[in-house]
Amino acid sequence: MADSIMYQEDGFVVLEPDQEEQILTAQELLEKLKEILVTRQNDLPRELEKFSTVEAQAEYLMENFCDLDMGSDSYLQWYVIRLEK
């Protein structure tokens, strides 16, 4: 049986081109994804097209992926972190 710590998250490391890495809470990352997705409703990844709200799209993206290609050598990557052993 897997240790329950494997399913805990204290935050996310977020990487973007030409920027310092950021440590965000789940809520902060969700808000960042929603801001991006609002402007990309005509250019969504196929997996997100089935969701009718930006909130649902962002939640699905955050929970099931770790990156978002934003074209023109731009991307957003995020990785779960745990701050304690």
PDB file of N, CA and C in Angstrom:
ATOM      1  N   MET A   1       0.850  -1.181   0.000  1.00  0.00           N
ATOM      2  CA  MET A   1       0.000   0.000   0.000  1.00  0.00           C
ATOM      3  C   MET A   1       0.892   1.241   0.000  1.00  0.00           C
ATOM      4  N   ALA A   2       0.534   2.231  -0.799  1.00  0.00           N
ATOM      5  CA  ALA A   2       1.311   3.468  -0.900  1.00  0.00           C
ATOM      6  C   ALA A   2       1.168   4.298   0.365  1.00  0.00           C
ATOM      7  N   ASP A   3       2.246   4.960   0.733  1.00  0.00           N
ATOM      8  CA  ASP A   3       2.252   5.853   1.878  1.00  0.00           C
ATOM      9  C   ASP A   3       1.373   7.063   1.563  1.00  0.00           C
ATOM     10  N   SER A   4       0.562   7.500   2.519  1.00  0.00           N
ATOM     11  CA  SER A   4      -0.360   8.615   2.274  1.00  0.00           C
ATOM     12  C   SER A   4       0.365   9.914   1.953  1.00  0.00           C
ATOM     13  N   ILE A   5       1.630  10.036   2.341  1.00  0.00           N
ATOM     14  CA  ILE A   5       2.385  11.250   2.024  1.00  0.00           C
ATOM     15  C   ILE A   5       2.531  11.442   0.520  1.00  0.00           C
ATOM     16  N   MET A   6       2.420  10.354  -0.246  1.00  0.00           N
ATOM     17  CA  MET A   6       2.529  10.447  -1.697  1.00  0.00           C
ATOM     18  C   MET A   6       1.401  11.288  -2.294  1.00  0.00           C
ATOM     19  N   TYR A   7       0.325  11.447  -1.551  1.00  0.00           N
ATOM     20  CA  TYR A   7      -0.830  12.185  -2.067  1.00  0.00           C
ATOM     21  C   TYR A   7      -0.996  13.556  -1.428  1.00  0.00           C
ATOM     22  N   GLN A   8       0.001  13.988  -0.655  1.00  0.00           N
ATOM     23  CA  GLN A   8      -0.048  15.301  -0.034  1.00  0.00           C
ATOM     24  C   GLN A   8       0.690  16.310  -0.900  1.00  0.00           C
ATOM     25  N   GLU A   9       0.227  17.526  -0.860  1.00  0.00           N
ATOM     26  CA  GLU A   9       0.922  18.591  -1.581  1.00  0.00           C
ATOM     27  C   GLU A   9       0.945  19.826  -0.701  1.00  0.00           C
ATOM     28  N   ASP A  10       2.096  20.450  -0.636  1.00  0.00           N
ATOM     29  CA  ASP A  10       2.233  21.691   0.124  1.00  0.00           C
ATOM     30  C   ASP A  10       2.237  22.899  -0.797  1.00  0.00           C
ATOM     31  N   GLY A  11       2.430  22.661  -2.065  1.00  0.00           N
ATOM     32  CA  GLY A  11       2.466  23.752  -3.023  1.00  0.00           C
ATOM     33  C   GLY A  11       2.979  23.253  -4.352  1.00  0.00           C
ATOM     34  N   PHE A  12       3.328  24.199  -5.196  1.00  0.00           N
ATOM     35  CA  PHE A  12       3.811  23.874  -6.533  1.00  0.00           C
ATOM     36  C   PHE A  12       5.000  24.763  -6.870  1.00  0.00           C
ATOM     37  N   VAL A  13       5.993  24.182  -7.515  1.00  0.00           N
ATOM     38  CA  VAL A  13       7.045  24.966  -8.140  1.00  0.00           C
ATOM     39  C   VAL A  13       6.544  25.267  -9.544  1.00  0.00           C
ATOM     40  N   VAL A  14       6.573  26.538  -9.919  1.00  0.00           N
ATOM     41  CA  VAL A  14       6.076  26.963 -11.224  1.00  0.00           C
ATOM     42  C   VAL A  14       7.242  27.563 -12.012  1.00  0.00           C
ATOM     43  N   LEU A  15       7.404  27.080 -13.237  1.00  0.00           N
ATOM     44  CA  LEU A  15       8.488  27.531 -14.106  1.00  0.00           C
ATOM     45  C   LEU A  15       7.922  28.192 -15.346  1.00  0.00           C
ATOM     46  N   GLU A  16       8.510  29.337 -15.695  1.00  0.00           N
ATOM     47  CA  GLU A  16       8.161  30.061 -16.915  1.00  0.00           C
ATOM     48  C   GLU A  16       9.459  30.549 -17.548  1.00  0.00           C
ATOM     49  N   PRO A  17       9.494  30.683 -18.866  1.00  0.00           N
ATOM     50  CA  PRO A  17      10.712  31.165 -19.523  1.00  0.00           C
ATOM     51  C   PRO A  17      11.119  32.550 -19.013  1.00  0.00           C
ATOM     52  N   ASP A  18      12.427  32.738 -18.836  1.00  0.00           N
ATOM     53  CA  ASP A  18      13.002  34.035 -18.461  1.00  0.00           C
ATOM     54  C   ASP A  18      12.476  34.582 -17.141  1.00  0.00           C
ATOM     55  N   GLN A  19      12.030  33.693 -16.237  1.00  0.00           N
ATOM     56  CA  GLN A  19      11.576  34.130 -14.920  1.00  0.00           C
ATOM     57  C   GLN A  19      12.141  33.205 -13.857  1.00  0.00           C
ATOM     58  N   GLU A  20      12.273  33.736 -12.654  1.00  0.00           N
ATOM     59  CA  GLU A  20      12.681  32.925 -11.514  1.00  0.00           C
ATOM     60  C   GLU A  20      11.588  31.901 -11.219  1.00  0.00           C
ATOM     61  N   GLU A  21      11.981  30.753 -10.674  1.00  0.00           N
ATOM     62  CA  GLU A  21      10.954  29.790 -10.273  1.00  0.00           C
ATOM     63  C   GLU A  21      10.123  30.394  -9.154  1.00  0.00           C
ATOM     64  N   GLN A  22       8.859  30.017  -9.131  1.00  0.00           N
ATOM     65  CA  GLN A  22       7.934  30.513  -8.117  1.00  0.00           C
ATOM     66  C   GLN A  22       7.406  29.350  -7.308  1.00  0.00           C
ATOM     67  N   ILE A  23       7.127  29.588  -6.050  1.00  0.00           N
ATOM     68  CA  ILE A  23       6.432  28.613  -5.208  1.00  0.00           C
ATOM     69  C   ILE A  23       5.025  29.154  -4.993  1.00  0.00           C
ATOM     70  N   LEU A  24       4.026  28.410  -5.463  1.00  0.00           N
ATOM     71  CA  LEU A  24       2.640  28.844  -5.343  1.00  0.00           C
ATOM     72  C   LEU A  24       1.822  27.810  -4.581  1.00  0.00           C
ATOM     73  N   THR A  25       0.791  28.279  -3.901  1.00  0.00           N
ATOM     74  CA  THR A  25      -0.172  27.359  -3.300  1.00  0.00           C
ATOM     75  C   THR A  25      -1.050  26.805  -4.421  1.00  0.00           C
ATOM     76  N   ALA A  26      -1.818  25.791  -4.109  1.00  0.00           N
ATOM     77  CA  ALA A  26      -2.727  25.228  -5.103  1.00  0.00           C
ATOM     78  C   ALA A  26      -3.715  26.294  -5.582  1.00  0.00           C
ATOM     79  N   GLN A  27      -4.220  27.110  -4.678  1.00  0.00           N
ATOM     80  CA  GLN A  27      -5.173  28.152  -5.050  1.00  0.00           C
ATOM     81  C   GLN A  27      -4.518  29.196  -5.949  1.00  0.00           C
ATOM     82  N   GLU A  28      -3.284  29.575  -5.647  1.00  0.00           N
ATOM     83  CA  GLU A  28      -2.584  30.553  -6.484  1.00  0.00           C
ATOM     84  C   GLU A  28      -2.331  30.010  -7.889  1.00  0.00           C
ATOM     85  N   LEU A  29      -1.941  28.737  -7.968  1.00  0.00           N
ATOM     86  CA  LEU A  29      -1.729  28.127  -9.282  1.00  0.00           C
ATOM     87  C   LEU A  29      -3.042  28.049 -10.054  1.00  0.00           C
ATOM     88  N   LEU A  30      -4.099  27.678  -9.367  1.00  0.00           N
ATOM     89  CA  LEU A  30      -5.408  27.612 -10.013  1.00  0.00           C
ATOM     90  C   LEU A  30      -5.799  28.974 -10.582  1.00  0.00           C
ATOM     91  N   GLU A  31      -5.582  30.033  -9.832  1.00  0.00           N
ATOM     92  CA  GLU A  31      -5.897  31.379 -10.308  1.00  0.00           C
ATOM     93  C   GLU A  31      -5.036  31.753 -11.514  1.00  0.00           C
ATOM     94  N   LYS A  32      -3.761  31.403 -11.485  1.00  0.00           N
ATOM     95  CA  LYS A  32      -2.859  31.686 -12.604  1.00  0.00           C
ATOM     96  C   LYS A  32      -3.321  30.954 -13.860  1.00  0.00           C
ATOM     97  N   LEU A  33      -3.695  29.684 -13.715  1.00  0.00           N
ATOM     98  CA  LEU A  33      -4.178  28.918 -14.859  1.00  0.00           C
ATOM     99  C   LEU A  33      -5.477  29.499 -15.412  1.00  0.00           C
ATOM    100  N   LYS A  34      -6.368  29.918 -14.535  1.00  0.00           N
ATOM    101  CA  LYS A  34      -7.631  30.510 -14.984  1.00  0.00           C
ATOM    102  C   LYS A  34      -7.373  31.795 -15.774  1.00  0.00           C
ATOM    103  N   GLU A  35      -6.439  32.629 -15.304  1.00  0.00           N
ATOM    104  CA  GLU A  35      -6.113  33.867 -16.025  1.00  0.00           C
ATOM    105  C   GLU A  35      -5.607  33.561 -17.432  1.00  0.00           C
ATOM    106  N   ILE A  36      -4.803  32.526 -17.552  1.00  0.00           N
ATOM    107  CA  ILE A  36      -4.276  32.150 -18.871  1.00  0.00           C
ATOM    108  C   ILE A  36      -5.388  31.581 -19.750  1.00  0.00           C
ATOM    109  N   LEU A  37      -6.195  30.689 -19.188  1.00  0.00           N
ATOM    110  CA  LEU A  37      -7.223  30.012 -19.973  1.00  0.00           C
ATOM    111  C   LEU A  37      -8.329  30.956 -20.451  1.00  0.00           C
ATOM    112  N   VAL A  38      -8.624  31.986 -19.680  1.00  0.00           N
ATOM    113  CA  VAL A  38      -9.648  32.958 -20.080  1.00  0.00           C
ATOM    114  C   VAL A  38      -9.291  33.569 -21.429  1.00  0.00           C
ATOM    115  N   THR A  39      -8.006  33.787 -21.661  1.00  0.00           N
ATOM    116  CA  THR A  39      -7.575  34.422 -22.914  1.00  0.00           C
ATOM    117  C   THR A  39      -7.374  33.426 -24.046  1.00  0.00           C
ATOM    118  N   ARG A  40      -7.522  32.131 -23.742  1.00  0.00           N
ATOM    119  CA  ARG A  40      -7.243  31.106 -24.763  1.00  0.00           C
ATOM    120  C   ARG A  40      -8.450  30.238 -25.079  1.00  0.00           C
ATOM    121  N   GLN A  41      -9.631  30.703 -24.881  1.00  0.00           N
ATOM    122  CA  GLN A  41     -10.816  29.874 -25.094  1.00  0.00           C
ATOM    123  C   GLN A  41     -10.982  29.432 -26.544  1.00  0.00           C
ATOM    124  N   ASN A  42     -10.408  30.139 -27.482  1.00  0.00           N
ATOM    125  CA  ASN A  42     -10.471  29.736 -28.891  1.00  0.00           C
ATOM    126  C   ASN A  42      -9.292  28.866 -29.295  1.00  0.00           C
ATOM    127  N   ASP A  43      -8.376  28.616 -28.356  1.00  0.00           N
ATOM    128  CA  ASP A  43      -7.171  27.840 -28.637  1.00  0.00           C
ATOM    129  C   ASP A  43      -6.844  26.937 -27.448  1.00  0.00           C
ATOM    130  N   LEU A  44      -7.822  26.140 -27.031  1.00  0.00           N
ATOM    131  CA  LEU A  44      -7.639  25.259 -25.877  1.00  0.00           C
ATOM    132  C   LEU A  44      -7.009  23.935 -26.283  1.00  0.00           C
ATOM    133  N   PRO A  45      -6.227  23.336 -25.376  1.00  0.00           N
ATOM    134  CA  PRO A  45      -5.822  21.954 -25.618  1.00  0.00           C
ATOM    135  C   PRO A  45      -7.073  21.075 -25.731  1.00  0.00           C
ATOM    136  N   ARG A  46      -7.017  20.085 -26.561  1.00  0.00           N
ATOM    137  CA  ARG A  46      -8.180  19.232 -26.837  1.00  0.00           C
ATOM    138  C   ARG A  46      -8.806  18.661 -25.559  1.00  0.00           C
ATOM    139  N   GLU A  47      -7.980  18.296 -24.602  1.00  0.00           N
ATOM    140  CA  GLU A  47      -8.480  17.682 -23.363  1.00  0.00           C
ATOM    141  C   GLU A  47      -9.377  18.626 -22.569  1.00  0.00           C
ATOM    142  N   LEU A  48      -9.218  19.928 -22.763  1.00  0.00           N
ATOM    143  CA  LEU A  48      -9.980  20.897 -21.981  1.00  0.00           C
ATOM    144  C   LEU A  48     -11.269  21.345 -22.656  1.00  0.00           C
ATOM    145  N   GLU A  49     -11.433  21.030 -23.920  1.00  0.00           N
ATOM    146  CA  GLU A  49     -12.605  21.495 -24.671  1.00  0.00           C
ATOM    147  C   GLU A  49     -13.915  20.944 -24.126  1.00  0.00           C
ATOM    148  N   LYS A  50     -13.870  19.819 -23.447  1.00  0.00           N
ATOM    149  CA  LYS A  50     -15.108  19.209 -22.938  1.00  0.00           C
ATOM    150  C   LYS A  50     -15.667  19.914 -21.702  1.00  0.00           C
ATOM    151  N   PHE A  51     -14.892  20.806 -21.096  1.00  0.00           N
ATOM    152  CA  PHE A  51     -15.342  21.501 -19.891  1.00  0.00           C
ATOM    153  C   PHE A  51     -15.955  22.844 -20.260  1.00  0.00           C
ATOM    154  N   SER A  52     -17.081  23.156 -19.644  1.00  0.00           N
ATOM    155  CA  SER A  52     -17.807  24.363 -20.025  1.00  0.00           C
ATOM    156  C   SER A  52     -17.374  25.611 -19.257  1.00  0.00           C
ATOM    157  N   THR A  53     -16.657  25.452 -18.151  1.00  0.00           N
ATOM    158  CA  THR A  53     -16.229  26.632 -17.392  1.00  0.00           C
ATOM    159  C   THR A  53     -14.704  26.686 -17.316  1.00  0.00           C
ATOM    160  N   VAL A  54     -14.198  27.892 -17.192  1.00  0.00           N
ATOM    161  CA  VAL A  54     -12.759  28.090 -17.043  1.00  0.00           C
ATOM    162  C   VAL A  54     -12.273  27.445 -15.743  1.00  0.00           C
ATOM    163  N   GLU A  55     -13.077  27.528 -14.708  1.00  0.00           N
ATOM    164  CA  GLU A  55     -12.733  26.911 -13.416  1.00  0.00           C
ATOM    165  C   GLU A  55     -12.511  25.412 -13.578  1.00  0.00           C
ATOM    166  N   ALA A  56     -13.419  24.733 -14.242  1.00  0.00           N
ATOM    167  CA  ALA A  56     -13.293  23.286 -14.458  1.00  0.00           C
ATOM    168  C   ALA A  56     -12.085  22.969 -15.338  1.00  0.00           C
ATOM    169  N   GLN A  57     -11.851  23.781 -16.342  1.00  0.00           N
ATOM    170  CA  GLN A  57     -10.686  23.587 -17.217  1.00  0.00           C
ATOM    171  C   GLN A  57      -9.394  23.703 -16.415  1.00  0.00           C
ATOM    172  N   ALA A  58      -9.299  24.748 -15.587  1.00  0.00           N
ATOM    173  CA  ALA A  58      -8.089  24.978 -14.795  1.00  0.00           C
ATOM    174  C   ALA A  58      -7.868  23.861 -13.781  1.00  0.00           C
ATOM    175  N   GLU A  59      -8.925  23.422 -13.115  1.00  0.00           N
ATOM    176  CA  GLU A  59      -8.803  22.337 -12.139  1.00  0.00           C
ATOM    177  C   GLU A  59      -8.321  21.056 -12.812  1.00  0.00           C
ATOM    178  N   TYR A  60      -8.903  20.721 -13.948  1.00  0.00           N
ATOM    179  CA  TYR A  60      -8.506  19.515 -14.666  1.00  0.00           C
ATOM    180  C   TYR A  60      -7.053  19.609 -15.109  1.00  0.00           C
ATOM    181  N   LEU A  61      -6.665  20.751 -15.634  1.00  0.00           N
ATOM    182  CA  LEU A  61      -5.299  20.963 -16.089  1.00  0.00           C
ATOM    183  C   LEU A  61      -4.320  20.823 -14.928  1.00  0.00           C
ATOM    184  N   MET A  62      -4.618  21.451 -13.804  1.00  0.00           N
ATOM    185  CA  MET A  62      -3.741  21.417 -12.640  1.00  0.00           C
ATOM    186  C   MET A  62      -3.588  20.004 -12.081  1.00  0.00           C
ATOM    187  N   GLU A  63      -4.665  19.248 -12.060  1.00  0.00           N
ATOM    188  CA  GLU A  63      -4.661  17.928 -11.445  1.00  0.00           C
ATOM    189  C   GLU A  63      -4.164  16.816 -12.362  1.00  0.00           C
ATOM    190  N   ASN A  64      -4.166  17.033 -13.666  1.00  0.00           N
ATOM    191  CA  ASN A  64      -3.847  15.943 -14.594  1.00  0.00           C
ATOM    192  C   ASN A  64      -2.640  16.188 -15.486  1.00  0.00           C
ATOM    193  N   PHE A  65      -2.107  17.386 -15.475  1.00  0.00           N
ATOM    194  CA  PHE A  65      -0.972  17.715 -16.329  1.00  0.00           C
ATOM    195  C   PHE A  65       0.069  18.467 -15.511  1.00  0.00           C
ATOM    196  N   CYS A  66       1.223  18.703 -16.092  1.00  0.00           N
ATOM    197  CA  CYS A  66       2.247  19.476 -15.397  1.00  0.00           C
ATOM    198  C   CYS A  66       2.831  20.560 -16.296  1.00  0.00           C
ATOM    199  N   ASP A  67       2.206  20.792 -17.441  1.00  0.00           N
ATOM    200  CA  ASP A  67       2.685  21.871 -18.293  1.00  0.00           C
ATOM    201  C   ASP A  67       1.593  22.337 -19.240  1.00  0.00           C
ATOM    202  N   LEU A  68       1.818  23.546 -19.751  1.00  0.00           N
ATOM    203  CA  LEU A  68       0.904  24.123 -20.719  1.00  0.00           C
ATOM    204  C   LEU A  68       1.747  24.837 -21.759  1.00  0.00           C
ATOM    205  N   ASP A  69       1.657  24.384 -23.004  1.00  0.00           N
ATOM    206  CA  ASP A  69       2.363  25.018 -24.107  1.00  0.00           C
ATOM    207  C   ASP A  69       1.572  26.252 -24.514  1.00  0.00           C
ATOM    208  N   MET A  70       2.223  27.393 -24.470  1.00  0.00           N
ATOM    209  CA  MET A  70       1.535  28.630 -24.808  1.00  0.00           C
ATOM    210  C   MET A  70       2.044  29.216 -26.121  1.00  0.00           C
ATOM    211  N   GLY A  71       2.759  28.398 -26.907  1.00  0.00           N
ATOM    212  CA  GLY A  71       3.229  28.812 -28.222  1.00  0.00           C
ATOM    213  C   GLY A  71       4.391  29.783 -28.176  1.00  0.00           C
ATOM    214  N   SER A  72       5.013  29.974 -29.314  1.00  0.00           N
ATOM    215  CA  SER A  72       6.123  30.924 -29.472  1.00  0.00           C
ATOM    216  C   SER A  72       7.185  30.774 -28.384  1.00  0.00           C
ATOM    217  N   ASP A  73       7.629  29.558 -28.159  1.00  0.00           N
ATOM    218  CA  ASP A  73       8.657  29.269 -27.149  1.00  0.00           C
ATOM    219  C   ASP A  73       8.243  29.688 -25.745  1.00  0.00           C
ATOM    220  N   SER A  74       6.977  29.722 -25.473  1.00  0.00           N
ATOM    221  CA  SER A  74       6.474  30.073 -24.151  1.00  0.00           C
ATOM    222  C   SER A  74       5.742  28.865 -23.571  1.00  0.00           C
ATOM    223  N   TYR A  75       5.905  28.677 -22.287  1.00  0.00           N
ATOM    224  CA  TYR A  75       5.277  27.539 -21.624  1.00  0.00           C
ATOM    225  C   TYR A  75       5.091  27.860 -20.147  1.00  0.00           C
ATOM    226  N   LEU A  76       4.328  27.043 -19.493  1.00  0.00           N
ATOM    227  CA  LEU A  76       4.163  27.095 -18.052  1.00  0.00           C
ATOM    228  C   LEU A  76       4.278  25.658 -17.574  1.00  0.00           C
ATOM    229  N   GLN A  77       5.143  25.410 -16.599  1.00  0.00           N
ATOM    230  CA  GLN A  77       5.287  24.073 -16.009  1.00  0.00           C
ATOM    231  C   GLN A  77       5.086  24.188 -14.512  1.00  0.00           C
ATOM    232  N   TRP A  78       4.510  23.140 -13.914  1.00  0.00           N
ATOM    233  CA  TRP A  78       4.316  23.134 -12.469  1.00  0.00           C
ATOM    234  C   TRP A  78       4.525  21.721 -11.933  1.00  0.00           C
ATOM    235  N   TYR A  79       5.059  21.660 -10.735  1.00  0.00           N
ATOM    236  CA  TYR A  79       5.371  20.387 -10.091  1.00  0.00           C
ATOM    237  C   TYR A  79       4.984  20.469  -8.625  1.00  0.00           C
ATOM    238  N   VAL A  80       4.331  19.443  -8.132  1.00  0.00           N
ATOM    239  CA  VAL A  80       3.930  19.382  -6.726  1.00  0.00           C
ATOM    240  C   VAL A  80       5.173  19.291  -5.862  1.00  0.00           C
ATOM    241  N   ILE A  81       5.145  20.000  -4.739  1.00  0.00           N
ATOM    242  CA  ILE A  81       6.226  19.889  -3.755  1.00  0.00           C
ATOM    243  C   ILE A  81       5.645  19.580  -2.390  1.00  0.00           C
ATOM    244  N   ARG A  82       6.429  18.890  -1.607  1.00  0.00           N
ATOM    245  CA  ARG A  82       6.132  18.636  -0.199  1.00  0.00           C
ATOM    246  C   ARG A  82       7.271  19.250   0.602  1.00  0.00           C
ATOM    247  N   LEU A  83       6.949  20.009   1.620  1.00  0.00           N
ATOM    248  CA  LEU A  83       7.966  20.736   2.353  1.00  0.00           C
ATOM    249  C   LEU A  83       8.543  19.941   3.526  1.00  0.00           C
ATOM    250  N   GLU A  84       7.916  18.845   3.919  1.00  0.00           N
ATOM    251  CA  GLU A  84       8.420  18.022   5.006  1.00  0.00           C
ATOM    252  C   GLU A  84       8.462  16.573   4.580  1.00  0.00           C
ATOM    253  N   LYS A  85       9.356  15.825   5.210  1.00  0.00           N
ATOM    254  CA  LYS A  85       9.431  14.379   4.943  1.00  0.00           C
ATOM    255  C   LYS A  85       8.368  13.660   5.722  1.00  0.00           C
TER     256      LYS A  85
END
